[in-house]
Amino acid sequence: YYVLPVLYGERFAGRIEPVADRKAKKFIVRNFWPEKGFRQTEAFRKAL
């Protein structure tokens, strides 16, 4: 329903589905879909 494009450097890394659950006081990430061929390095994970 509500998915955001994710940029990393000069390319799109994928798309992500975050939800701000204010009642539970948590920021929930339901899904992350990497682009085909995108390698998820440790540097990318930390930046995300």
All heavy atoms as atom14 arrays in JSON, in Angstrom:
{
  "sequence": "YYVLPVLYGERFAGRIEPVADRKAKKFIVRNFWPEKGFRQTEAFRKAL",
  "atom14_mask": [
    [1, 1, 1, 1, 1, 1, 1, 1, 1, 1, 1, 1, 0, 0],
    [1, 1, 1, 1, 1, 1, 1, 1, 1, 1, 1, 1, 0, 0],
    [1, 1, 1, 1, 1, 1, 1, 0, 0, 0, 0, 0, 0, 0],
    [1, 1, 1, 1, 1, 1, 1, 1, 0, 0, 0, 0, 0, 0],
    [1, 1, 1, 1, 1, 1, 1, 0, 0, 0, 0, 0, 0, 0],
    [1, 1, 1, 1, 1, 1, 1, 0, 0, 0, 0, 0, 0, 0],
    [1, 1, 1, 1, 1, 1, 1, 1, 0, 0, 0, 0, 0, 0],
    [1, 1, 1, 1, 1, 1, 1, 1, 1, 1, 1, 1, 0, 0],
    [1, 1, 1, 1, 0, 0, 0, 0, 0, 0, 0, 0, 0, 0],
    [1, 1, 1, 1, 1, 1, 1, 1, 1, 0, 0, 0, 0, 0],
    [1, 1, 1, 1, 1, 1, 1, 1, 1, 1, 1, 0, 0, 0],
    [1, 1, 1, 1, 1, 1, 1, 1, 1, 1, 1, 0, 0, 0],
    [1, 1, 1, 1, 1, 0, 0, 0, 0, 0, 0, 0, 0, 0],
    [1, 1, 1, 1, 0, 0, 0, 0, 0, 0, 0, 0, 0, 0],
    [1, 1, 1, 1, 1, 1, 1, 1, 1, 1, 1, 0, 0, 0],
    [1, 1, 1, 1, 1, 1, 1, 1, 0, 0, 0, 0, 0, 0],
    [1, 1, 1, 1, 1, 1, 1, 1, 1, 0, 0, 0, 0, 0],
    [1, 1, 1, 1, 1, 1, 1, 0, 0, 0, 0, 0, 0, 0],
    [1, 1, 1, 1, 1, 1, 1, 0, 0, 0, 0, 0, 0, 0],
    [1, 1, 1, 1, 1, 0, 0, 0, 0, 0, 0, 0, 0, 0],
    [1, 1, 1, 1, 1, 1, 1, 1, 0, 0, 0, 0, 0, 0],
    [1, 1, 1, 1, 1, 1, 1, 1, 1, 1, 1, 0, 0, 0],
    [1, 1, 1, 1, 1, 1, 1, 1, 1, 0, 0, 0, 0, 0],
    [1, 1, 1, 1, 1, 0, 0, 0, 0, 0, 0, 0, 0, 0],
    [1, 1, 1, 1, 1, 1, 1, 1, 1, 0, 0, 0, 0, 0],
    [1, 1, 1, 1, 1, 1, 1, 1, 1, 0, 0, 0, 0, 0],
    [1, 1, 1, 1, 1, 1, 1, 1, 1, 1, 1, 0, 0, 0],
    [1, 1, 1, 1, 1, 1, 1, 1, 0, 0, 0, 0, 0, 0],
    [1, 1, 1, 1, 1, 1, 1, 0, 0, 0, 0, 0, 0, 0],
    [1, 1, 1, 1, 1, 1, 1, 1, 1, 1, 1, 0, 0, 0],
    [1, 1, 1, 1, 1, 1, 1, 1, 0, 0, 0, 0, 0, 0],
    [1, 1, 1, 1, 1, 1, 1, 1, 1, 1, 1, 0, 0, 0],
    [1, 1, 1, 1, 1, 1, 1, 1, 1, 1, 1, 1, 1, 1],
    [1, 1, 1, 1, 1, 1, 1, 0, 0, 0, 0, 0, 0, 0],
    [1, 1, 1, 1, 1, 1, 1, 1, 1, 0, 0, 0, 0, 0],
    [1, 1, 1, 1, 1, 1, 1, 1, 1, 0, 0, 0, 0, 0],
    [1, 1, 1, 1, 0, 0, 0, 0, 0, 0, 0, 0, 0, 0],
    [1, 1, 1, 1, 1, 1, 1, 1, 1, 1, 1, 0, 0, 0],
    [1, 1, 1, 1, 1, 1, 1, 1, 1, 1, 1, 0, 0, 0],
    [1, 1, 1, 1, 1, 1, 1, 1, 1, 0, 0, 0, 0, 0],
    [1, 1, 1, 1, 1, 1, 1, 0, 0, 0, 0, 0, 0, 0],
    [1, 1, 1, 1, 1, 1, 1, 1, 1, 0, 0, 0, 0, 0],
    [1, 1, 1, 1, 1, 0, 0, 0, 0, 0, 0, 0, 0, 0],
    [1, 1, 1, 1, 1, 1, 1, 1, 1, 1, 1, 0, 0, 0],
    [1, 1, 1, 1, 1, 1, 1, 1, 1, 1, 1, 0, 0, 0],
    [1, 1, 1, 1, 1, 1, 1, 1, 1, 0, 0, 0, 0, 0],
    [1, 1, 1, 1, 1, 0, 0, 0, 0, 0, 0, 0, 0, 0],
    [1, 1, 1, 1, 1, 1, 1, 1, 0, 0, 0, 0, 0, 0]
  ],
  "atom14_positions": [
    [[0.8, -1.22, 0.0], [0.0, 0.0, 0.0], [0.84, 1.28, 0.0], [0.58, 2.21, -0.74], [-0.89, -0.1, 1.25], [-1.57, 1.13, 1.74], [-2.7, 1.62, 1.11], [-1.11, 1.79, 2.89], [-3.36, 2.74, 1.6], [-1.76, 2.9, 3.38], [-2.88, 3.37, 2.73], [-3.52, 4.48, 3.21], [0.0, 0.0, 0.0], [0.0, 0.0, 0.0]],
    [[1.87, 1.33, 0.84], [2.67, 2.56, 0.98], [4.14, 2.18, 1.05], [4.66, 1.84, 2.11], [2.25, 3.32, 2.24], [2.49, 4.81, 2.16], [1.5, 5.66, 1.66], [3.69, 5.37, 2.57], [1.72, 7.03, 1.58], [3.91, 6.73, 2.5], [2.92, 7.57, 2.0], [3.13, 8.92, 1.92], [0.0, 0.0, 0.0], [0.0, 0.0, 0.0]],
    [[4.79, 2.24, -0.09], [6.18, 1.78, -0.23], [7.04, 2.92, -0.74], [6.63, 3.65, -1.66], [6.23, 0.58, -1.2], [7.66, 0.22, -1.57], [5.53, -0.63, -0.58], [0.0, 0.0, 0.0], [0.0, 0.0, 0.0], [0.0, 0.0, 0.0], [0.0, 0.0, 0.0], [0.0, 0.0, 0.0], [0.0, 0.0, 0.0], [0.0, 0.0, 0.0]],
    [[8.21, 3.1, -0.15], [9.1, 4.2, -0.52], [10.29, 3.69, -1.34], [10.9, 2.68, -0.97], [9.64, 4.88, 0.74], [8.64, 5.32, 1.81], [9.38, 6.02, 2.95], [7.56, 6.21, 1.23], [0.0, 0.0, 0.0], [0.0, 0.0, 0.0], [0.0, 0.0, 0.0], [0.0, 0.0, 0.0], [0.0, 0.0, 0.0], [0.0, 0.0, 0.0]],
    [[10.64, 4.39, -2.41], [11.89, 4.07, -3.12], [13.09, 4.35, -2.21], [13.09, 5.32, -1.44], [11.88, 5.03, -4.32], [10.46, 5.46, -4.46], [9.9, 5.47, -3.08], [0.0, 0.0, 0.0], [0.0, 0.0, 0.0], [0.0, 0.0, 0.0], [0.0, 0.0, 0.0], [0.0, 0.0, 0.0], [0.0, 0.0, 0.0], [0.0, 0.0, 0.0]],
    [[14.12, 3.51, -2.31], [15.33, 3.66, -1.51], [16.51, 3.94, -2.41], [16.84, 3.13, -3.29], [15.6, 2.39, -0.66], [16.91, 2.54, 0.13], [14.44, 2.11, 0.28], [0.0, 0.0, 0.0], [0.0, 0.0, 0.0], [0.0, 0.0, 0.0], [0.0, 0.0, 0.0], [0.0, 0.0, 0.0], [0.0, 0.0, 0.0], [0.0, 0.0, 0.0]],
    [[17.14, 5.09, -2.21], [18.36, 5.46, -2.93], [19.58, 5.09, -2.09], [19.57, 5.24, -0.87], [18.4, 6.97, -3.17], [17.78, 7.55, -4.43], [17.72, 9.06, -4.31], [18.55, 7.14, -5.68], [0.0, 0.0, 0.0], [0.0, 0.0, 0.0], [0.0, 0.0, 0.0], [0.0, 0.0, 0.0], [0.0, 0.0, 0.0], [0.0, 0.0, 0.0]],
    [[20.63, 4.63, -2.77], [21.92, 4.43, -2.1], [22.99, 4.94, -3.04], [23.23, 4.37, -4.11], [22.14, 2.96, -1.78], [23.44, 2.68, -1.04], [23.76, 3.37, 0.13], [24.34, 1.72, -1.5], [24.94, 3.12, 0.82], [25.52, 1.46, -0.82], [25.81, 2.15, 0.34], [26.98, 1.91, 1.02], [0.0, 0.0, 0.0], [0.0, 0.0, 0.0]],
    [[23.6, 6.05, -2.67], [24.56, 6.66, -3.57], [23.88, 7.14, -4.83], [22.94, 7.93, -4.78], [0.0, 0.0, 0.0], [0.0, 0.0, 0.0], [0.0, 0.0, 0.0], [0.0, 0.0, 0.0], [0.0, 0.0, 0.0], [0.0, 0.0, 0.0], [0.0, 0.0, 0.0], [0.0, 0.0, 0.0], [0.0, 0.0, 0.0], [0.0, 0.0, 0.0]],
    [[24.32, 6.62, -5.98], [23.81, 7.09, -7.26], [22.79, 6.14, -7.88], [22.43, 6.32, -9.04], [24.97, 7.28, -8.24], [25.97, 8.34, -7.79], [27.12, 8.47, -8.77], [26.9, 8.45, -9.99], [28.28, 8.6, -8.31], [0.0, 0.0, 0.0], [0.0, 0.0, 0.0], [0.0, 0.0, 0.0], [0.0, 0.0, 0.0], [0.0, 0.0, 0.0]],
    [[22.32, 5.16, -7.14], [21.38, 4.2, -7.73], [20.24, 3.89, -6.75], [20.33, 4.17, -5.55], [22.1, 2.91, -8.11], [22.63, 2.1, -6.92], [22.98, 0.68, -7.33], [21.8, -0.07, -7.75], [21.83, -1.33, -8.15], [22.98, -1.99, -8.21], [20.73, -1.96, -8.51], [0.0, 0.0, 0.0], [0.0, 0.0, 0.0], [0.0, 0.0, 0.0]],
    [[19.17, 3.34, -7.3], [18.08, 2.86, -6.46], [18.4, 1.46, -5.98], [18.66, 0.56, -6.79], [16.76, 2.88, -7.23], [16.17, 4.25, -7.39], [16.48, 5.04, -8.48], [15.3, 4.76, -6.42], [15.95, 6.31, -8.63], [14.77, 6.03, -6.55], [15.09, 6.81, -7.66], [0.0, 0.0, 0.0], [0.0, 0.0, 0.0], [0.0, 0.0, 0.0]],
    [[18.38, 1.29, -4.66], [18.72, 0.01, -4.06], [17.51, -0.9, -3.93], [17.65, -2.13, -3.84], [19.33, 0.23, -2.68], [0.0, 0.0, 0.0], [0.0, 0.0, 0.0], [0.0, 0.0, 0.0], [0.0, 0.0, 0.0], [0.0, 0.0, 0.0], [0.0, 0.0, 0.0], [0.0, 0.0, 0.0], [0.0, 0.0, 0.0], [0.0, 0.0, 0.0]],
    [[16.32, -0.31, -3.9], [15.12, -1.12, -3.72], [13.98, -0.26, -3.24], [13.93, 0.95, -3.46], [0.0, 0.0, 0.0], [0.0, 0.0, 0.0], [0.0, 0.0, 0.0], [0.0, 0.0, 0.0], [0.0, 0.0, 0.0], [0.0, 0.0, 0.0], [0.0, 0.0, 0.0], [0.0, 0.0, 0.0], [0.0, 0.0, 0.0], [0.0, 0.0, 0.0]],
    [[13.06, -0.89, -2.52], [11.9, -0.18, -1.97], [11.6, -0.76, -0.59], [11.89, -1.93, -0.32], [10.7, -0.25, -2.91], [10.26, -1.62, -3.31], [9.55, -1.62, -4.66], [10.53, -1.67, -5.74], [10.33, -1.16, -6.95], [9.2, -0.56, -7.23], [11.25, -1.24, -7.88], [0.0, 0.0, 0.0], [0.0, 0.0, 0.0], [0.0, 0.0, 0.0]],
    [[11.01, 0.06, 0.25], [10.85, -0.31, 1.65], [9.45, 0.07, 2.12], [8.85, 1.01, 1.62], [11.94, 0.36, 2.51], [12.08, -0.31, 3.88], [11.69, 1.87, 2.65], [13.36, 0.07, 4.6], [0.0, 0.0, 0.0], [0.0, 0.0, 0.0], [0.0, 0.0, 0.0], [0.0, 0.0, 0.0], [0.0, 0.0, 0.0], [0.0, 0.0, 0.0]],
    [[8.94, -0.7, 3.08], [7.6, -0.47, 3.62], [7.69, -0.18, 5.12], [7.62, -1.09, 5.94], [6.71, -1.69, 3.38], [5.28, -1.48, 3.84], [4.42, -2.73, 3.7], [4.97, -3.83, 3.45], [3.19, -2.61, 3.85], [0.0, 0.0, 0.0], [0.0, 0.0, 0.0], [0.0, 0.0, 0.0], [0.0, 0.0, 0.0], [0.0, 0.0, 0.0]],
    [[7.85, 1.09, 5.5], [7.9, 1.45, 6.92], [6.54, 1.94, 7.41], [5.75, 2.51, 6.66], [8.94, 2.57, 6.95], [8.87, 3.19, 5.59], [8.2, 2.23, 4.65], [0.0, 0.0, 0.0], [0.0, 0.0, 0.0], [0.0, 0.0, 0.0], [0.0, 0.0, 0.0], [0.0, 0.0, 0.0], [0.0, 0.0, 0.0], [0.0, 0.0, 0.0]],
    [[6.27, 1.73, 8.68], [5.03, 2.17, 9.31], [5.35, 2.79, 10.66], [6.05, 2.16, 11.48], [4.05, 0.99, 9.51], [2.8, 1.46, 10.25], [3.67, 0.37, 8.17], [0.0, 0.0, 0.0], [0.0, 0.0, 0.0], [0.0, 0.0, 0.0], [0.0, 0.0, 0.0], [0.0, 0.0, 0.0], [0.0, 0.0, 0.0], [0.0, 0.0, 0.0]],
    [[4.87, 3.99, 10.91], [5.03, 4.63, 12.22], [3.87, 4.2, 13.1], [2.74, 4.68, 12.94], [5.08, 6.14, 12.06], [0.0, 0.0, 0.0], [0.0, 0.0, 0.0], [0.0, 0.0, 0.0], [0.0, 0.0, 0.0], [0.0, 0.0, 0.0], [0.0, 0.0, 0.0], [0.0, 0.0, 0.0], [0.0, 0.0, 0.0], [0.0, 0.0, 0.0]],
    [[4.12, 3.28, 14.02], [3.1, 2.79, 14.95], [3.18, 3.62, 16.22], [3.92, 3.3, 17.16], [3.32, 1.3, 15.24], [2.17, 0.69, 16.02], [1.45, 1.45, 16.71], [1.98, -0.55, 15.95], [0.0, 0.0, 0.0], [0.0, 0.0, 0.0], [0.0, 0.0, 0.0], [0.0, 0.0, 0.0], [0.0, 0.0, 0.0], [0.0, 0.0, 0.0]],
    [[2.44, 4.71, 16.24], [2.53, 5.64, 17.37], [1.93, 5.06, 18.64], [2.37, 5.4, 19.74], [1.86, 6.96, 16.99], [2.57, 7.67, 15.82], [1.75, 8.81, 15.25], [2.43, 9.45, 14.14], [2.36, 9.03, 12.87], [1.63, 7.95, 12.58], [3.0, 9.66, 11.9], [0.0, 0.0, 0.0], [0.0, 0.0, 0.0], [0.0, 0.0, 0.0]],
    [[0.93, 4.19, 18.5], [0.33, 3.58, 19.68], [1.33, 2.68, 20.39], [1.46, 2.7, 21.61], [-0.92, 2.79, 19.29], [-1.69, 2.23, 20.47], [-2.97, 1.52, 20.03], [-3.99, 2.51, 19.5], [-5.3, 1.84, 19.21], [0.0, 0.0, 0.0], [0.0, 0.0, 0.0], [0.0, 0.0, 0.0], [0.0, 0.0, 0.0], [0.0, 0.0, 0.0]],
    [[2.05, 1.87, 19.61], [3.06, 0.97, 20.2], [4.39, 1.67, 20.41], [5.32, 1.08, 20.96], [3.25, -0.25, 19.29], [0.0, 0.0, 0.0], [0.0, 0.0, 0.0], [0.0, 0.0, 0.0], [0.0, 0.0, 0.0], [0.0, 0.0, 0.0], [0.0, 0.0, 0.0], [0.0, 0.0, 0.0], [0.0, 0.0, 0.0], [0.0, 0.0, 0.0]],
    [[4.5, 2.92, 19.94], [5.72, 3.71, 20.06], [6.91, 3.02, 19.38], [8.03, 3.02, 19.89], [6.03, 4.01, 21.52], [4.95, 4.84, 22.21], [5.3, 5.18, 23.64], [4.2, 6.04, 24.27], [4.48, 6.38, 25.68], [0.0, 0.0, 0.0], [0.0, 0.0, 0.0], [0.0, 0.0, 0.0], [0.0, 0.0, 0.0], [0.0, 0.0, 0.0]],
    [[6.62, 2.45, 18.2], [7.66, 1.76, 17.45], [7.59, 2.18, 15.98], [6.51, 2.46, 15.45], [7.49, 0.24, 17.54], [7.69, -0.32, 18.94], [7.47, -1.83, 18.96], [7.68, -2.4, 20.36], [7.44, -3.86, 20.4], [0.0, 0.0, 0.0], [0.0, 0.0, 0.0], [0.0, 0.0, 0.0], [0.0, 0.0, 0.0], [0.0, 0.0, 0.0]],
    [[8.74, 2.2, 15.34], [8.81, 2.45, 13.91], [9.08, 1.08, 13.26], [10.15, 0.51, 13.43], [9.92, 3.44, 13.58], [9.85, 3.97, 12.17], [8.93, 4.93, 11.82], [10.71, 3.49, 11.19], [8.86, 5.42, 10.53], [10.65, 3.97, 9.9], [9.71, 4.95, 9.56], [0.0, 0.0, 0.0], [0.0, 0.0, 0.0], [0.0, 0.0, 0.0]],
    [[8.08, 0.57, 12.58], [8.11, -0.81, 12.09], [8.48, -0.84, 10.61], [7.94, -0.07, 9.8], [6.75, -1.49, 12.32], [6.44, -1.54, 13.82], [6.74, -2.89, 11.71], [5.03, -1.97, 14.14], [0.0, 0.0, 0.0], [0.0, 0.0, 0.0], [0.0, 0.0, 0.0], [0.0, 0.0, 0.0], [0.0, 0.0, 0.0], [0.0, 0.0, 0.0]],
    [[9.39, -1.73, 10.26], [9.72, -1.98, 8.85], [9.13, -3.34, 8.49], [9.56, -4.37, 8.99], [11.25, -1.98, 8.62], [11.53, -2.19, 7.13], [11.86, -0.68, 9.11], [0.0, 0.0, 0.0], [0.0, 0.0, 0.0], [0.0, 0.0, 0.0], [0.0, 0.0, 0.0], [0.0, 0.0, 0.0], [0.0, 0.0, 0.0], [0.0, 0.0, 0.0]],
    [[8.12, -3.31, 7.64], [7.43, -4.55, 7.3], [8.17, -5.34, 6.23], [8.2, -6.57, 6.28], [6.0, -4.24, 6.84], [5.11, -3.78, 7.98], [3.69, -3.56, 7.53], [2.83, -3.26, 8.67], [1.62, -2.73, 8.56], [1.12, -2.43, 7.36], [0.89, -2.48, 9.65], [0.0, 0.0, 0.0], [0.0, 0.0, 0.0], [0.0, 0.0, 0.0]],
    [[8.73, -4.62, 5.26], [9.4, -5.31, 4.16], [10.45, -4.42, 3.53], [10.34, -3.19, 3.55], [8.39, -5.71, 3.06], [7.55, -6.9, 3.43], [8.06, -8.02, 3.55], [6.26, -6.69, 3.61], [0.0, 0.0, 0.0], [0.0, 0.0, 0.0], [0.0, 0.0, 0.0], [0.0, 0.0, 0.0], [0.0, 0.0, 0.0], [0.0, 0.0, 0.0]],
    [[11.46, -5.06, 2.97], [12.42, -4.4, 2.09], [12.62, -5.29, 0.88], [12.9, -6.49, 1.01], [13.76, -4.17, 2.8], [14.83, -3.64, 1.88], [14.78, -2.34, 1.42], [15.87, -4.46, 1.44], [15.74, -1.85, 0.56], [16.84, -3.98, 0.58], [16.78, -2.66, 0.14], [0.0, 0.0, 0.0], [0.0, 0.0, 0.0], [0.0, 0.0, 0.0]],
    [[12.45, -4.71, -0.3], [12.61, -5.46, -1.54], [13.81, -4.88, -2.3], [13.72, -3.79, -2.87], [11.37, -5.34, -2.43], [10.11, -5.9, -1.84], [9.64, -7.17, -1.97], [9.11, -5.18, -1.09], [8.43, -7.3, -1.34], [8.08, -6.1, -0.78], [9.0, -3.86, -0.64], [6.95, -5.74, -0.06], [7.88, -3.5, 0.1], [6.88, -4.43, 0.38]],
    [[14.95, -5.55, -2.3], [16.11, -5.03, -3.04], [15.9, -5.13, -4.54], [15.19, -6.02, -5.03], [17.26, -5.93, -2.58], [16.59, -7.2, -2.18], [15.24, -6.84, -1.65], [0.0, 0.0, 0.0], [0.0, 0.0, 0.0], [0.0, 0.0, 0.0], [0.0, 0.0, 0.0], [0.0, 0.0, 0.0], [0.0, 0.0, 0.0], [0.0, 0.0, 0.0]],
    [[16.51, -4.21, -5.27], [16.5, -4.29, -6.73], [17.33, -5.49, -7.18], [18.31, -5.87, -6.52], [17.07, -3.01, -7.34], [16.11, -1.83, -7.34], [14.93, -2.05, -8.27], [15.05, -1.78, -9.48], [13.88, -2.5, -7.78], [0.0, 0.0, 0.0], [0.0, 0.0, 0.0], [0.0, 0.0, 0.0], [0.0, 0.0, 0.0], [0.0, 0.0, 0.0]],
    [[16.94, -6.05, -8.3], [17.67, -7.18, -8.85], [19.13, -6.79, -9.1], [19.42, -5.76, -9.69], [17.02, -7.62, -10.17], [17.64, -8.88, -10.76], [16.91, -9.29, -12.03], [17.53, -10.54, -12.63], [16.82, -10.96, -13.88], [0.0, 0.0, 0.0], [0.0, 0.0, 0.0], [0.0, 0.0, 0.0], [0.0, 0.0, 0.0], [0.0, 0.0, 0.0]],
    [[20.03, -7.6, -8.58], [21.46, -7.36, -8.78], [22.09, -6.46, -7.74], [23.31, -6.26, -7.76], [0.0, 0.0, 0.0], [0.0, 0.0, 0.0], [0.0, 0.0, 0.0], [0.0, 0.0, 0.0], [0.0, 0.0, 0.0], [0.0, 0.0, 0.0], [0.0, 0.0, 0.0], [0.0, 0.0, 0.0], [0.0, 0.0, 0.0], [0.0, 0.0, 0.0]],
    [[21.27, -5.9, -6.83], [21.85, -5.03, -5.81], [22.45, -5.86, -4.69], [21.78, -6.72, -4.11], [20.8, -4.08, -5.25], [21.33, -3.19, -4.15], [22.18, -2.14, -4.45], [21.01, -3.43, -2.82], [22.69, -1.33, -3.45], [21.52, -2.63, -1.81], [22.36, -1.57, -2.13], [0.0, 0.0, 0.0], [0.0, 0.0, 0.0], [0.0, 0.0, 0.0]],
    [[23.69, -5.57, -4.36], [24.39, -6.32, -3.3], [24.3, -5.53, -2.0], [24.74, -4.38, -1.92], [25.85, -6.54, -3.69], [26.59, -7.52, -2.77], [27.91, -7.94, -3.39], [28.85, -6.84, -3.48], [29.72, -6.53, -2.51], [29.76, -7.25, -1.39], [30.56, -5.53, -2.67], [0.0, 0.0, 0.0], [0.0, 0.0, 0.0], [0.0, 0.0, 0.0]],
    [[23.74, -6.16, -0.99], [23.52, -5.5, 0.3], [24.77, -5.65, 1.17], [24.93, -6.62, 1.89], [22.3, -6.1, 0.99], [21.03, -5.93, 0.17], [19.83, -6.57, 0.83], [19.56, -6.3, 2.0], [19.12, -7.41, 0.1], [0.0, 0.0, 0.0], [0.0, 0.0, 0.0], [0.0, 0.0, 0.0], [0.0, 0.0, 0.0], [0.0, 0.0, 0.0]],
    [[25.64, -4.67, 1.08], [26.88, -4.68, 1.85], [26.62, -4.25, 3.29], [25.55, -3.72, 3.62], [27.9, -3.74, 1.21], [27.37, -2.39, 1.28], [28.18, -4.1, -0.24], [0.0, 0.0, 0.0], [0.0, 0.0, 0.0], [0.0, 0.0, 0.0], [0.0, 0.0, 0.0], [0.0, 0.0, 0.0], [0.0, 0.0, 0.0], [0.0, 0.0, 0.0]],
    [[27.61, -4.44, 4.13], [27.51, -3.99, 5.51], [27.37, -2.47, 5.56], [26.62, -1.92, 6.38], [28.74, -4.43, 6.3], [28.71, -4.07, 7.77], [27.58, -4.76, 8.53], [27.1, -5.83, 8.07], [27.15, -4.21, 9.58], [0.0, 0.0, 0.0], [0.0, 0.0, 0.0], [0.0, 0.0, 0.0], [0.0, 0.0, 0.0], [0.0, 0.0, 0.0]],
    [[28.08, -1.76, 4.67], [27.98, -0.3, 4.62], [26.56, 0.13, 4.27], [26.04, 1.1, 4.84], [28.98, 0.26, 3.62], [0.0, 0.0, 0.0], [0.0, 0.0, 0.0], [0.0, 0.0, 0.0], [0.0, 0.0, 0.0], [0.0, 0.0, 0.0], [0.0, 0.0, 0.0], [0.0, 0.0, 0.0], [0.0, 0.0, 0.0], [0.0, 0.0, 0.0]],
    [[25.93, -0.57, 3.34], [24.55, -0.24, 2.98], [23.62, -0.47, 4.16], [22.76, 0.36, 4.47], [24.08, -1.07, 1.79], [22.59, -1.02, 1.59], [21.97, 0.12, 1.09], [21.79, -2.1, 1.95], [20.59, 0.18, 0.94], [20.41, -2.06, 1.79], [19.81, -0.91, 1.29], [0.0, 0.0, 0.0], [0.0, 0.0, 0.0], [0.0, 0.0, 0.0]],
    [[23.76, -1.59, 4.83], [22.87, -1.91, 5.95], [22.98, -0.85, 7.06], [21.99, -0.43, 7.64], [23.17, -3.3, 6.49], [22.68, -4.42, 5.57], [22.77, -5.77, 6.25], [24.14, -6.25, 6.33], [24.72, -7.01, 5.42], [24.04, -7.36, 4.33], [25.96, -7.42, 5.56], [0.0, 0.0, 0.0], [0.0, 0.0, 0.0], [0.0, 0.0, 0.0]],
    [[24.21, -0.42, 7.34], [24.41, 0.62, 8.36], [23.78, 1.94, 7.93], [23.15, 2.64, 8.73], [25.9, 0.81, 8.63], [26.53, -0.33, 9.43], [28.0, -0.05, 9.71], [28.62, -1.17, 10.54], [30.07, -0.93, 10.81], [0.0, 0.0, 0.0], [0.0, 0.0, 0.0], [0.0, 0.0, 0.0], [0.0, 0.0, 0.0], [0.0, 0.0, 0.0]],
    [[23.94, 2.28, 6.65], [23.36, 3.53, 6.14], [21.84, 3.47, 6.17], [21.17, 4.47, 6.49], [23.86, 3.8, 4.73], [0.0, 0.0, 0.0], [0.0, 0.0, 0.0], [0.0, 0.0, 0.0], [0.0, 0.0, 0.0], [0.0, 0.0, 0.0], [0.0, 0.0, 0.0], [0.0, 0.0, 0.0], [0.0, 0.0, 0.0], [0.0, 0.0, 0.0]],
    [[21.27, 2.32, 5.85], [19.82, 2.15, 5.88], [19.3, 2.27, 7.31], [18.3, 2.95, 7.57], [19.43, 0.8, 5.27], [17.94, 0.46, 5.28], [17.13, 1.5, 4.51], [17.7, -0.95, 4.72], [0.0, 0.0, 0.0], [0.0, 0.0, 0.0], [0.0, 0.0, 0.0], [0.0, 0.0, 0.0], [0.0, 0.0, 0.0], [0.0, 0.0, 0.0]]
  ]
}
